[in-house]
N, C-alpha and C. Protein backbone atom coordinates (compact mmCIF):
# COMPACT_ATOMS: atom_id res chain seq x y z
N MET A 1 0.95 -1.26 -0.42
CA MET A 1 -0.20 -0.27 -0.19
C MET A 1 1.11 1.17 0.00
N ILE A 2 2.03 1.29 0.54
CA ILE A 2 2.61 2.39 0.67
C ILE A 2 3.27 2.72 -0.53
N TRP A 3 3.88 1.31 -0.91
CA TRP A 3 4.55 1.79 -2.47
C TRP A 3 3.60 2.54 -3.46
N LEU A 4 2.53 2.17 -3.43
CA LEU A 4 1.42 2.70 -4.36
C LEU A 4 1.37 4.49 -4.18
N ILE A 5 1.25 4.76 -2.71
CA ILE A 5 1.43 6.07 -2.57
C ILE A 5 2.65 7.21 -3.00
N LEU A 6 3.39 6.17 -2.99
CA LEU A 6 4.82 6.98 -3.02
C LEU A 6 5.13 7.03 -4.64
N ILE A 7 4.57 6.18 -5.91
CA ILE A 7 4.71 6.22 -7.09
C ILE A 7 3.76 7.28 -7.24
N ALA A 8 2.19 7.15 -6.60
CA ALA A 8 1.42 8.60 -6.79
C ALA A 8 2.08 9.46 -6.50
N ALA A 9 2.64 9.84 -5.94
CA ALA A 9 3.40 11.04 -5.21
C ALA A 9 4.60 11.81 -6.53
N LEU A 10 5.02 10.67 -7.15
CA LEU A 10 6.01 10.74 -8.00
C LEU A 10 5.64 11.52 -9.29
N VAL A 11 4.37 10.90 -9.33
CA VAL A 11 3.75 11.08 -10.92
C VAL A 11 3.08 12.54 -10.59
N LEU A 12 2.15 12.86 -9.40
CA LEU A 12 1.26 13.55 -9.62
C LEU A 12 1.82 14.70 -8.83
N GLY A 13 2.83 14.44 -8.56
CA GLY A 13 3.38 16.23 -7.88
C GLY A 13 3.33 16.16 -6.19
N PRO A 14 3.93 17.82 -6.11
CA PRO A 14 4.00 18.18 -5.22
C PRO A 14 2.89 17.56 -4.19
N GLN A 15 1.66 18.15 -4.40
CA GLN A 15 0.72 17.99 -3.67
C GLN A 15 0.35 16.34 -2.79
N ALA A 16 0.76 15.72 -3.86
CA ALA A 16 0.75 14.24 -3.64
C ALA A 16 1.73 14.15 -2.74
N GLN A 17 2.95 14.55 -2.94
CA GLN A 17 3.91 14.47 -2.52
C GLN A 17 4.11 14.18 -0.80
N GLN A 18 3.59 15.77 -0.60
CA GLN A 18 2.87 16.20 0.89
C GLN A 18 1.97 14.74 1.24
N ALA A 19 0.83 14.41 1.12
CA ALA A 19 0.10 13.52 0.93
C ALA A 19 1.03 12.22 1.47
N ALA A 20 1.62 11.68 0.57
CA ALA A 20 2.37 10.26 0.59
C ALA A 20 3.43 10.59 2.21
N ASN A 21 3.76 12.17 2.51
CA ASN A 21 4.69 11.89 3.62
C ASN A 21 3.82 11.80 4.34
N GLU A 22 2.57 12.39 5.00
CA GLU A 22 1.51 12.14 6.08
C GLU A 22 1.29 10.67 5.88
N ALA A 23 1.05 9.95 5.22
CA ALA A 23 0.69 8.76 5.23
C ALA A 23 1.68 7.32 5.48
N THR A 24 2.74 8.07 5.53
CA THR A 24 4.01 7.14 5.64
C THR A 24 4.70 7.47 7.28
N LYS A 25 4.03 8.64 7.91
CA LYS A 25 4.37 8.97 9.54
C LYS A 25 4.01 8.15 10.03
N THR A 26 4.62 7.23 10.99
CA THR A 26 4.22 6.12 11.96
C THR A 26 4.24 6.92 13.46
N GLU A 27 3.34 6.60 14.24
CA GLU A 27 3.17 7.00 15.68
C GLU A 27 4.29 6.89 16.23
N ALA A 28 4.94 7.80 17.45
CA ALA A 28 6.15 7.39 18.07
C ALA A 28 5.42 6.80 18.86
N PRO A 29 6.16 6.08 19.65
CA PRO A 29 5.94 4.86 20.80
C PRO A 29 5.70 5.40 21.95
N SER A 30 4.43 5.34 22.62
CA SER A 30 4.70 6.16 23.66
C SER A 30 5.24 5.98 24.89
N ALA A 31 5.52 6.53 26.12
CA ALA A 31 6.83 6.44 26.68
C ALA A 31 6.42 5.11 27.93
N VAL A 32 7.43 4.32 27.42
CA VAL A 32 7.31 2.80 28.53
C VAL A 32 7.48 3.28 30.12
N LYS A 33 6.34 3.08 30.79
CA LYS A 33 6.71 3.24 32.31
C LYS A 33 7.86 2.26 33.03
N THR A 34 8.74 3.05 33.70
CA THR A 34 10.04 2.31 34.07
C THR A 34 9.65 1.99 35.69
N ASP A 35 10.58 1.20 35.92
CA ASP A 35 10.58 1.11 37.59
C ASP A 35 10.52 2.00 38.50
N SER A 36 11.25 3.37 38.07
CA SER A 36 11.39 4.22 38.50
C SER A 36 10.33 5.07 38.83
N ALA A 37 8.82 4.77 37.93
CA ALA A 37 7.95 5.31 38.41
C ALA A 37 6.94 5.01 39.44
N LEU A 38 7.56 3.32 39.56
CA LEU A 38 7.03 2.60 40.58
C LEU A 38 7.23 3.25 42.02
N PRO A 39 6.32 3.16 42.99
CA PRO A 39 6.86 3.50 44.65
C PRO A 39 7.93 2.30 45.23
N ALA A 40 9.04 2.77 45.65
CA ALA A 40 10.19 1.98 45.75
C ALA A 40 9.84 1.11 47.01
N ALA A 41 9.80 -0.16 46.74
CA ALA A 41 9.70 -1.38 48.04
C ALA A 41 10.62 -0.87 49.23
N LYS A 42 9.90 -1.20 50.17
CA LYS A 42 10.32 -0.45 51.71
C LYS A 42 11.05 -2.18 52.04
N PRO A 43 12.48 -1.74 52.38
CA PRO A 43 13.44 -2.94 53.23
C PRO A 43 12.62 -3.31 54.25
N VAL A 44 12.85 -4.89 54.64
CA VAL A 44 12.74 -5.22 55.61
C VAL A 44 13.34 -5.11 56.74
N SER A 45 12.70 -4.74 57.78
CA SER A 45 13.77 -4.43 59.21
C SER A 45 13.78 -5.19 60.03
N ALA A 46 15.13 -4.94 60.75
CA ALA A 46 16.12 -6.00 61.33
C ALA A 46 14.74 -6.28 62.44
N GLU A 47 13.73 -5.66 63.03
CA GLU A 47 12.62 -6.10 63.99
C GLU A 47 11.82 -7.04 63.26
N ALA A 48 11.68 -6.84 62.26
CA ALA A 48 10.58 -7.54 61.39
C ALA A 48 10.88 -8.96 61.50
N ASN A 49 12.28 -9.07 61.01
CA ASN A 49 12.96 -10.20 60.55
C ASN A 49 12.85 -11.19 62.31
N ALA A 50 13.35 -10.36 63.06
CA ALA A 50 13.56 -11.17 64.53
C ALA A 50 12.06 -11.52 64.89
N SER A 51 11.13 -10.93 64.70
CA SER A 51 9.86 -11.09 64.82
C SER A 51 9.25 -12.39 64.17
N ALA A 52 9.62 -12.51 62.81
CA ALA A 52 9.24 -13.76 62.31
C ALA A 52 9.89 -14.76 62.45
N LEU A 53 11.14 -14.57 63.03
CA LEU A 53 11.81 -16.31 63.75
C LEU A 53 11.46 -16.19 64.93
N ASN A 54 11.45 -15.53 65.91
CA ASN A 54 10.42 -15.45 67.11
C ASN A 54 9.69 -16.48 67.05
N ALA A 55 8.62 -16.00 65.86
CA ALA A 55 7.39 -16.52 65.91
C ALA A 55 7.46 -18.18 65.53
N LYS A 56 8.64 -18.40 64.79
CA LYS A 56 8.66 -19.88 64.66
C LYS A 56 9.07 -20.53 65.57
N LEU A 57 10.20 -20.07 66.38
CA LEU A 57 10.78 -20.74 67.46
C LEU A 57 9.46 -21.24 68.77
N LEU A 58 8.54 -20.34 68.57
CA LEU A 58 7.67 -20.09 69.85
C LEU A 58 6.32 -21.61 69.02
N THR A 59 6.58 -21.82 67.84
CA THR A 59 5.67 -22.81 67.34
C THR A 59 6.76 -24.41 67.34
N ILE A 60 7.93 -24.25 67.84
CA ILE A 60 8.25 -25.65 67.79
C ILE A 60 8.06 -26.88 68.81
N THR A 61 7.81 -27.76 68.28
CA THR A 61 7.68 -28.91 69.85
C THR A 61 8.58 -29.99 69.71
N ARG A 62 8.73 -30.44 68.31
CA ARG A 62 9.89 -31.83 68.32
C ARG A 62 11.12 -31.68 67.64
N ILE A 63 11.68 -31.63 68.25
CA ILE A 63 13.53 -31.52 67.76
C ILE A 63 14.05 -32.69 67.98
N TYR A 64 14.84 -32.64 66.90
CA TYR A 64 16.01 -33.63 66.66
C TYR A 64 17.39 -33.31 66.69
N ILE A 65 18.28 -34.11 67.50
CA ILE A 65 19.97 -33.23 67.83
C ILE A 65 20.79 -34.00 67.16
N GLU A 66 21.45 -33.12 66.35
CA GLU A 66 22.60 -33.76 65.34
C GLU A 66 23.65 -34.25 66.38
N ASP A 67 24.71 -35.11 66.03
CA ASP A 67 25.95 -35.10 67.02
C ASP A 67 26.51 -33.80 66.76
N PHE A 68 27.01 -33.75 68.07
CA PHE A 68 27.83 -32.18 68.11
C PHE A 68 29.37 -32.50 68.00
N GLY A 69 30.03 -33.83 67.46
CA GLY A 69 30.92 -34.16 67.09
C GLY A 69 31.79 -35.68 67.73
N SER A 70 32.79 -35.62 66.99
CA SER A 70 33.02 -37.42 66.90
C SER A 70 33.76 -37.33 68.29
N GLU A 71 34.63 -36.51 68.88
CA GLU A 71 35.31 -36.68 70.19
C GLU A 71 34.61 -37.02 71.35
N PRO A 72 35.15 -37.77 72.08
CA PRO A 72 34.26 -38.68 73.28
C PRO A 72 33.81 -37.12 74.44
N SER A 73 34.37 -36.24 74.28
CA SER A 73 33.78 -34.95 74.89
C SER A 73 32.75 -34.30 74.48
N ALA A 74 32.67 -34.32 73.13
CA ALA A 74 31.54 -33.63 72.25
C ALA A 74 30.24 -34.35 72.85
N LYS A 75 30.61 -35.96 72.37
CA LYS A 75 29.21 -36.97 72.54
C LYS A 75 28.97 -36.92 73.99
N GLN A 76 29.53 -36.55 75.21
CA GLN A 76 29.60 -36.62 76.22
C GLN A 76 28.45 -35.38 76.64
N ILE A 77 28.67 -34.04 75.88
CA ILE A 77 27.90 -32.88 75.89
C ILE A 77 26.98 -32.92 75.74
N GLN A 78 26.57 -33.63 74.06
CA GLN A 78 25.73 -33.78 73.08
C GLN A 78 24.66 -34.59 74.55
N ALA A 79 24.69 -35.86 74.79
CA ALA A 79 24.16 -36.41 75.67
C ALA A 79 23.91 -35.65 76.74
N MET A 80 24.13 -34.66 77.65
CA MET A 80 23.85 -34.03 78.51
C MET A 80 22.73 -32.94 78.13
N VAL A 81 23.19 -32.28 76.72
CA VAL A 81 22.14 -31.28 76.61
C VAL A 81 20.50 -32.10 76.24
N VAL A 82 20.73 -33.35 75.32
CA VAL A 82 19.56 -34.33 75.28
C VAL A 82 18.69 -34.41 76.58
N ASN A 83 19.46 -34.74 77.70
CA ASN A 83 18.78 -34.82 78.79
C ASN A 83 18.49 -33.87 79.72
N THR A 84 19.12 -32.99 79.54
CA THR A 84 18.67 -31.60 80.09
C THR A 84 17.17 -31.33 79.19
N ILE A 85 17.31 -30.87 77.96
CA ILE A 85 16.23 -30.81 77.27
C ILE A 85 14.99 -31.64 77.53
N SER A 86 15.31 -32.71 77.61
CA SER A 86 14.06 -34.32 77.82
C SER A 86 13.66 -34.19 78.67
N GLU A 87 14.18 -33.37 80.00
CA GLU A 87 13.89 -33.11 81.50
C GLU A 87 12.55 -32.17 81.73
N SER A 88 13.09 -30.92 80.84
CA SER A 88 12.26 -29.62 80.89
C SER A 88 11.22 -29.82 80.41
N LYS A 89 10.84 -30.85 79.76
CA LYS A 89 9.34 -31.17 78.76
C LYS A 89 8.99 -30.16 78.19
N ARG A 90 9.65 -29.02 77.99
CA ARG A 90 9.05 -28.19 76.55
C ARG A 90 9.12 -28.74 75.51
N PHE A 91 9.93 -29.91 74.99
CA PHE A 91 10.02 -30.31 73.98
C PHE A 91 10.27 -31.76 73.53
N ILE A 92 9.73 -32.14 72.26
CA ILE A 92 9.53 -33.77 72.54
C ILE A 92 11.39 -33.92 71.67
N ILE A 93 12.17 -34.78 72.64
CA ILE A 93 13.39 -34.89 71.61
C ILE A 93 13.11 -36.55 70.42
N THR A 94 12.84 -36.37 69.39
CA THR A 94 12.97 -37.40 68.58
C THR A 94 14.16 -38.06 67.75
N GLU A 95 14.01 -38.92 67.60
CA GLU A 95 14.96 -39.40 66.76
C GLU A 95 15.02 -39.39 65.40
N ASN A 96 13.67 -39.28 65.29
CA ASN A 96 13.18 -39.78 63.46
C ASN A 96 13.20 -38.20 63.03
N LYS A 97 14.53 -37.88 62.36
CA LYS A 97 14.54 -36.60 61.56
C LYS A 97 13.56 -35.99 60.77
N GLU A 98 12.97 -37.08 60.26
CA GLU A 98 11.93 -36.57 59.24
C GLU A 98 10.71 -35.85 60.07
N LYS A 99 10.19 -36.30 61.27
CA LYS A 99 9.34 -36.15 62.15
C LYS A 99 9.52 -34.67 62.61
N ALA A 100 11.03 -34.13 62.50
CA ALA A 100 10.91 -32.91 63.65
C ALA A 100 10.92 -31.60 62.85
N ASP A 101 10.48 -30.94 64.07
CA ASP A 101 9.75 -29.42 63.69
C ASP A 101 11.12 -28.81 63.12
N ALA A 102 12.31 -29.13 63.86
CA ALA A 102 13.64 -28.04 63.93
C ALA A 102 14.78 -29.16 64.58
N ILE A 103 16.43 -28.81 63.97
CA ILE A 103 17.11 -29.60 64.48
C ILE A 103 17.95 -28.83 64.97
N LEU A 104 18.50 -29.39 66.01
CA LEU A 104 19.61 -28.67 66.99
C LEU A 104 20.82 -29.31 66.78
N LYS A 105 21.65 -28.26 65.93
CA LYS A 105 22.96 -28.43 65.14
C LYS A 105 24.22 -27.80 66.03
N GLY A 106 25.19 -28.31 66.03
CA GLY A 106 26.32 -27.48 67.11
C GLY A 106 27.75 -28.58 67.13
N THR A 107 28.40 -27.56 67.99
CA THR A 107 29.74 -28.33 67.93
C THR A 107 30.23 -28.29 69.72
N ALA A 108 31.02 -29.21 70.12
CA ALA A 108 31.03 -28.75 71.70
C ALA A 108 32.65 -29.71 71.52
N MET A 109 33.19 -29.03 72.48
CA MET A 109 34.83 -29.34 73.18
C MET A 109 35.08 -29.24 74.68
N GLU A 110 36.07 -30.16 74.73
CA GLU A 110 36.18 -29.51 76.36
C GLU A 110 38.14 -29.94 76.25
N LYS A 111 38.33 -29.01 76.83
CA LYS A 111 39.98 -29.18 76.73
C LYS A 111 40.74 -29.37 77.84
N THR A 112 41.65 -29.65 78.62
CA THR A 112 42.45 -29.82 79.78
C THR A 112 43.67 -29.04 79.70
N THR A 113 44.43 -28.01 80.40
CA THR A 113 45.29 -27.20 80.45
C THR A 113 46.17 -27.21 81.71
N GLN A 114 46.91 -27.27 81.92
CA GLN A 114 48.03 -26.43 83.05
C GLN A 114 48.46 -25.45 83.10
N GLU A 115 48.14 -24.55 84.14
CA GLU A 115 48.64 -23.57 84.96
C GLU A 115 49.40 -23.54 85.73
N PHE A 116 50.92 -22.89 85.49
CA PHE A 116 51.90 -22.90 86.60
C PHE A 116 51.39 -21.66 87.28
N HIS A 117 51.73 -21.36 88.90
CA HIS A 117 51.08 -20.53 89.30
C HIS A 117 52.67 -20.31 90.58
N SER A 118 53.14 -18.93 90.80
CA SER A 118 54.25 -19.06 91.60
C SER A 118 53.52 -18.10 92.55
N TYR A 119 54.09 -18.17 94.01
CA TYR A 119 53.99 -17.55 94.79
C TYR A 119 55.33 -16.99 95.99
N LYS A 120 55.28 -15.45 96.16
CA LYS A 120 56.39 -15.25 96.71
C LYS A 120 55.78 -14.32 97.83
N ASP A 121 56.66 -14.73 99.25
CA ASP A 121 55.87 -14.00 100.16
C ASP A 121 57.46 -13.32 101.32
N LYS A 122 57.39 -12.10 101.30
CA LYS A 122 58.78 -11.49 102.19
C LYS A 122 58.13 -11.65 103.59
N ALA A 123 59.22 -12.25 104.78
CA ALA A 123 58.46 -11.94 106.40
C ALA A 123 59.53 -11.56 106.91
N ALA A 124 59.71 -10.56 107.73
CA ALA A 124 61.04 -10.34 108.53
C ALA A 124 61.08 -11.06 109.70
N ALA A 125 62.19 -11.51 109.94
CA ALA A 125 62.43 -12.19 110.95
C ALA A 125 63.27 -12.26 111.93
N LEU A 126 63.15 -11.89 113.38
CA LEU A 126 63.93 -10.96 114.28
C LEU A 126 64.71 -12.08 114.56
N SER A 127 66.06 -11.31 114.73
CA SER A 127 67.27 -12.33 115.28
C SER A 127 68.36 -11.49 116.50
N GLY A 128 69.08 -11.81 116.68
CA GLY A 128 70.28 -10.92 117.91
C GLY A 128 70.58 -9.83 117.07
N ARG A 129 70.81 -9.77 116.05
CA ARG A 129 71.62 -8.82 114.97
C ARG A 129 70.58 -8.04 114.82
N GLY A 130 69.18 -8.30 114.49
CA GLY A 130 68.32 -7.15 114.35
C GLY A 130 67.12 -7.95 113.32
N ALA A 131 66.52 -7.40 112.44
CA ALA A 131 65.44 -7.70 111.79
C ALA A 131 66.03 -8.02 110.16
N VAL A 132 65.69 -9.90 109.76
CA VAL A 132 66.29 -10.09 108.53
C VAL A 132 65.24 -10.70 107.80
N ALA A 133 65.16 -9.92 106.80
CA ALA A 133 64.22 -10.58 105.51
C ALA A 133 64.20 -11.47 105.33
N ALA A 134 63.32 -12.83 105.15
CA ALA A 134 63.30 -13.85 104.86
C ALA A 134 62.26 -14.04 103.93
N ASP A 135 62.96 -15.01 102.57
CA ASP A 135 62.01 -15.71 101.56
C ASP A 135 61.31 -16.64 101.38
N ASP A 136 59.67 -16.61 101.29
CA ASP A 136 59.08 -17.80 101.37
C ASP A 136 58.23 -17.95 100.25
N SER A 137 58.90 -18.78 99.30
CA SER A 137 58.36 -18.75 98.00
C SER A 137 57.88 -19.93 97.85
N SER A 138 56.53 -20.38 97.20
CA SER A 138 56.02 -21.55 96.64
C SER A 138 55.55 -21.26 95.16
N SER A 139 55.33 -22.67 94.65
CA SER A 139 54.83 -22.58 93.51
C SER A 139 53.84 -23.83 93.09
N GLY A 140 53.12 -24.10 92.13
CA GLY A 140 52.08 -25.21 92.36
C GLY A 140 51.82 -25.16 90.63
N THR A 141 51.11 -26.20 90.25
CA THR A 141 50.54 -26.35 89.07
C THR A 141 48.74 -26.79 89.29
N GLU A 142 48.19 -25.65 88.43
CA GLU A 142 46.63 -26.30 88.57
C GLU A 142 46.30 -26.84 87.45
N THR A 143 45.41 -27.81 87.10
CA THR A 143 44.51 -28.54 86.28
C THR A 143 43.44 -27.87 85.63
N ILE A 144 43.47 -27.07 84.59
CA ILE A 144 41.90 -26.28 84.33
C ILE A 144 41.31 -27.43 83.08
N ASN A 145 39.87 -27.28 83.53
CA ASN A 145 39.15 -27.87 82.85
C ASN A 145 38.09 -26.55 81.73
N GLU A 146 38.05 -26.56 80.16
CA GLU A 146 37.49 -25.73 79.73
C GLU A 146 36.47 -26.40 78.82
N ALA A 147 35.37 -25.98 78.70
CA ALA A 147 33.78 -26.75 77.75
C ALA A 147 33.74 -25.45 77.19
N ARG A 148 33.49 -26.00 75.47
CA ARG A 148 32.73 -24.54 74.99
C ARG A 148 31.93 -25.32 74.28
N VAL A 149 30.57 -24.94 74.15
CA VAL A 149 29.30 -25.38 73.21
C VAL A 149 28.81 -24.17 72.22
N ALA A 150 28.92 -24.31 71.09
CA ALA A 150 28.03 -23.59 70.10
C ALA A 150 26.82 -24.08 69.69
N VAL A 151 25.57 -23.80 69.60
CA VAL A 151 24.53 -24.41 68.77
C VAL A 151 23.58 -23.46 68.17
N ARG A 152 22.98 -24.23 67.58
CA ARG A 152 21.96 -23.80 66.74
C ARG A 152 20.58 -24.34 66.21
N LEU A 153 19.59 -23.61 66.33
CA LEU A 153 18.30 -24.34 66.03
C LEU A 153 17.69 -24.24 65.01
N VAL A 154 17.62 -25.01 63.80
CA VAL A 154 17.07 -24.71 62.39
C VAL A 154 15.71 -25.62 62.21
N ALA A 155 15.09 -24.53 61.81
CA ALA A 155 13.67 -24.80 61.30
C ALA A 155 13.19 -25.67 60.33
N ALA A 156 12.45 -26.42 59.75
CA ALA A 156 12.22 -27.37 58.78
C ALA A 156 12.77 -26.58 57.30
N ASP A 157 12.44 -25.69 57.36
CA ASP A 157 12.42 -24.63 56.06
C ASP A 157 13.90 -24.00 55.86
N GLY A 158 14.90 -24.36 56.73
CA GLY A 158 16.26 -23.95 56.93
C GLY A 158 16.56 -22.71 57.80
N ASP A 159 15.49 -22.32 58.20
CA ASP A 159 15.99 -21.11 58.91
C ASP A 159 16.49 -21.11 60.18
N VAL A 160 17.63 -20.70 60.54
CA VAL A 160 18.04 -20.51 61.66
C VAL A 160 17.57 -19.57 62.74
N ILE A 161 16.93 -20.05 63.86
CA ILE A 161 15.67 -19.69 64.70
C ILE A 161 16.11 -19.12 66.20
N TRP A 162 17.23 -19.49 66.28
CA TRP A 162 17.78 -19.54 67.44
C TRP A 162 19.35 -19.84 67.50
N SER A 163 20.05 -19.38 68.46
CA SER A 163 21.51 -20.05 68.50
C SER A 163 22.28 -19.51 69.68
N THR A 164 23.15 -19.79 70.44
CA THR A 164 24.00 -19.32 71.06
C THR A 164 25.75 -20.33 71.68
N THR A 165 26.40 -19.21 72.14
CA THR A 165 27.50 -20.15 72.42
C THR A 165 27.85 -20.34 74.07
N GLN A 166 28.35 -21.08 74.59
CA GLN A 166 28.12 -21.25 76.42
C GLN A 166 29.39 -21.72 76.47
N GLU A 167 30.15 -21.21 77.04
CA GLU A 167 32.02 -21.67 77.91
C GLU A 167 31.56 -22.10 79.29
N SER A 168 32.34 -22.56 80.16
CA SER A 168 32.79 -23.17 81.25
C SER A 168 33.79 -23.40 81.71
N ARG A 169 34.39 -23.15 82.83
CA ARG A 169 35.65 -23.71 83.79
C ARG A 169 35.16 -24.67 84.83
N GLY A 170 33.59 -24.92 84.99
CA GLY A 170 33.07 -25.48 85.90
C GLY A 170 32.50 -24.71 87.01
N ALA A 171 31.63 -25.32 87.53
CA ALA A 171 30.75 -24.69 88.64
C ALA A 171 30.96 -25.64 89.88
N LYS A 172 30.41 -24.95 91.08
CA LYS A 172 30.89 -25.57 92.29
C LYS A 172 30.51 -26.95 92.34
N TYR A 173 29.61 -27.18 91.70
CA TYR A 173 28.78 -29.00 92.11
C TYR A 173 29.23 -29.49 90.29
N LYS A 174 29.50 -28.80 89.65
CA LYS A 174 29.56 -29.31 88.46
C LYS A 174 30.92 -29.33 87.56
N GLY A 175 31.13 -30.26 86.72
CA GLY A 175 32.17 -30.30 85.97
C GLY A 175 32.05 -29.04 84.50
N ALA A 176 33.11 -28.72 84.27
CA ALA A 176 32.72 -27.69 82.84
C ALA A 176 31.96 -28.36 81.60
N SER A 177 32.04 -29.50 81.39
CA SER A 177 31.31 -30.19 80.31
C SER A 177 29.70 -29.61 80.77
N ALA A 178 29.62 -30.80 81.79
CA ALA A 178 27.91 -30.42 82.72
C ALA A 178 27.41 -28.80 82.64
N ASP A 179 28.64 -27.78 82.95
CA ASP A 179 27.87 -26.67 83.39
C ASP A 179 27.84 -25.82 81.88
N ALA A 180 28.66 -26.23 80.65
CA ALA A 180 28.38 -25.66 79.45
C ALA A 180 26.97 -26.14 78.77
N ALA A 181 26.83 -27.34 79.12
CA ALA A 181 25.25 -27.95 78.40
C ALA A 181 24.21 -27.27 79.44
N ASP A 182 24.23 -27.12 80.53
CA ASP A 182 23.22 -26.60 81.34
C ASP A 182 23.12 -25.16 81.15
N LYS A 183 24.33 -24.60 80.48
CA LYS A 183 23.71 -23.22 80.41
C LYS A 183 23.11 -23.19 78.98
N VAL A 184 23.72 -24.27 77.79
CA VAL A 184 23.31 -23.78 76.68
C VAL A 184 21.44 -24.11 76.94
N VAL A 185 21.16 -24.94 77.65
CA VAL A 185 19.51 -25.71 77.66
C VAL A 185 18.90 -24.26 78.74
N LYS A 186 19.48 -23.72 79.76
CA LYS A 186 19.06 -22.39 80.74
C LYS A 186 18.57 -21.60 79.65
N ARG A 187 19.74 -21.48 78.74
CA ARG A 187 19.53 -19.89 77.87
C ARG A 187 18.19 -20.22 76.66
N LEU A 188 18.52 -21.48 75.87
CA LEU A 188 17.09 -21.88 75.27
C LEU A 188 15.64 -21.32 76.15
N MET A 189 15.98 -21.88 77.53
CA MET A 189 14.60 -21.68 77.87
C MET A 189 13.93 -20.64 78.65
N SER A 190 14.97 -20.00 78.69
CA SER A 190 14.88 -18.48 79.30
C SER A 190 14.44 -17.77 78.14
N ASP A 191 15.02 -17.67 77.25
CA ASP A 191 14.56 -17.32 75.76
C ASP A 191 13.04 -17.26 75.15
N LEU A 192 12.97 -18.68 75.20
CA LEU A 192 11.24 -19.08 75.33
C LEU A 192 10.41 -18.19 76.08
N GLU A 193 10.69 -18.44 77.64
CA GLU A 193 10.14 -17.83 78.44
C GLU A 193 9.53 -16.27 78.14
N ARG A 194 10.72 -15.33 77.87
CA ARG A 194 10.68 -13.89 77.48
C ARG A 194 9.84 -14.14 76.23
N LEU A 195 9.89 -14.66 75.63
CA LEU A 195 8.92 -14.64 74.22
C LEU A 195 7.67 -14.70 74.41
N GLN A 196 7.44 -16.08 74.99
CA GLN A 196 6.04 -16.18 75.49
C GLN A 196 5.36 -15.14 76.26
N ALA A 197 6.02 -14.52 77.35
CA ALA A 197 5.55 -13.32 77.83
C ALA A 197 5.29 -12.27 76.84
N ASN A 198 6.22 -12.05 76.03
CA ASN A 198 5.89 -10.82 75.16
C ASN A 198 4.87 -11.10 74.75
N ALA A 199 4.36 -11.93 74.17
CA ALA A 199 3.54 -12.50 72.84
C ALA A 199 2.16 -12.87 73.91
N ALA A 200 2.21 -12.91 75.07
CA ALA A 200 0.93 -12.81 75.87
C ALA A 200 0.40 -11.56 76.24
N ALA A 201 1.44 -10.58 76.35
CA ALA A 201 1.38 -8.83 76.68
C ALA A 201 0.72 -8.60 75.17
N SER A 202 1.06 -8.84 74.27
CA SER A 202 0.77 -8.14 72.76
C SER A 202 -0.78 -8.57 72.88
N ASN A 203 -0.89 -9.73 72.96
CA ASN A 203 -2.50 -10.27 72.64
C ASN A 203 -3.31 -10.21 73.91
N LYS A 204 -3.29 -9.17 74.78
CA LYS A 204 -4.01 -9.02 75.86
C LYS A 204 -4.50 -7.98 75.89
N PRO A 205 -6.01 -7.98 75.65
CA PRO A 205 -7.17 -6.72 75.30
C PRO A 205 -6.67 -5.66 76.15
N LYS A 206 -6.39 -4.53 75.44
CA LYS A 206 -6.25 -3.18 75.87
C LYS A 206 -7.50 -2.43 76.22
């Protein structure tokens, strides 16, 4: 169609040429809306992320606990954590990973070191010639047991919903491993109680 108009313009003269030019003009494409014209998405705040993870933590009922390591001390600490969580009755410990709401993963270690201590005390001794300074020196080696446990609770969708690291050199009636394992569970229960209290307060009618 266009080429017929052009041929006619050549034959009929300037007026037809002008008509041909008008016919061959194409409409300029309309401006395409860019993303800049759209409202910018608001970034997710740290508070919102924390709130979502805390909400998941409160729904956990059944936990599977993975090995904390191959060392005898790591296995011992893991057994202590399992026993303490089980005694709390807050969670069900399962050995069926597929049925767990979350998995407790971690590492544990206990090491023994020797610390050398030296003590020196000067005392004045009286003699017939006057006061004489006397040195009273002593030294000894102390055995130090240190335990360290780092754990994280992972939800079924892969999100890490809780974590803690605890260290201990032993308590009054507990060894280092038992004390570190106890600290892990106490921290978990303490965080849960705080979250439950906050949830109850927010749901309380005003």
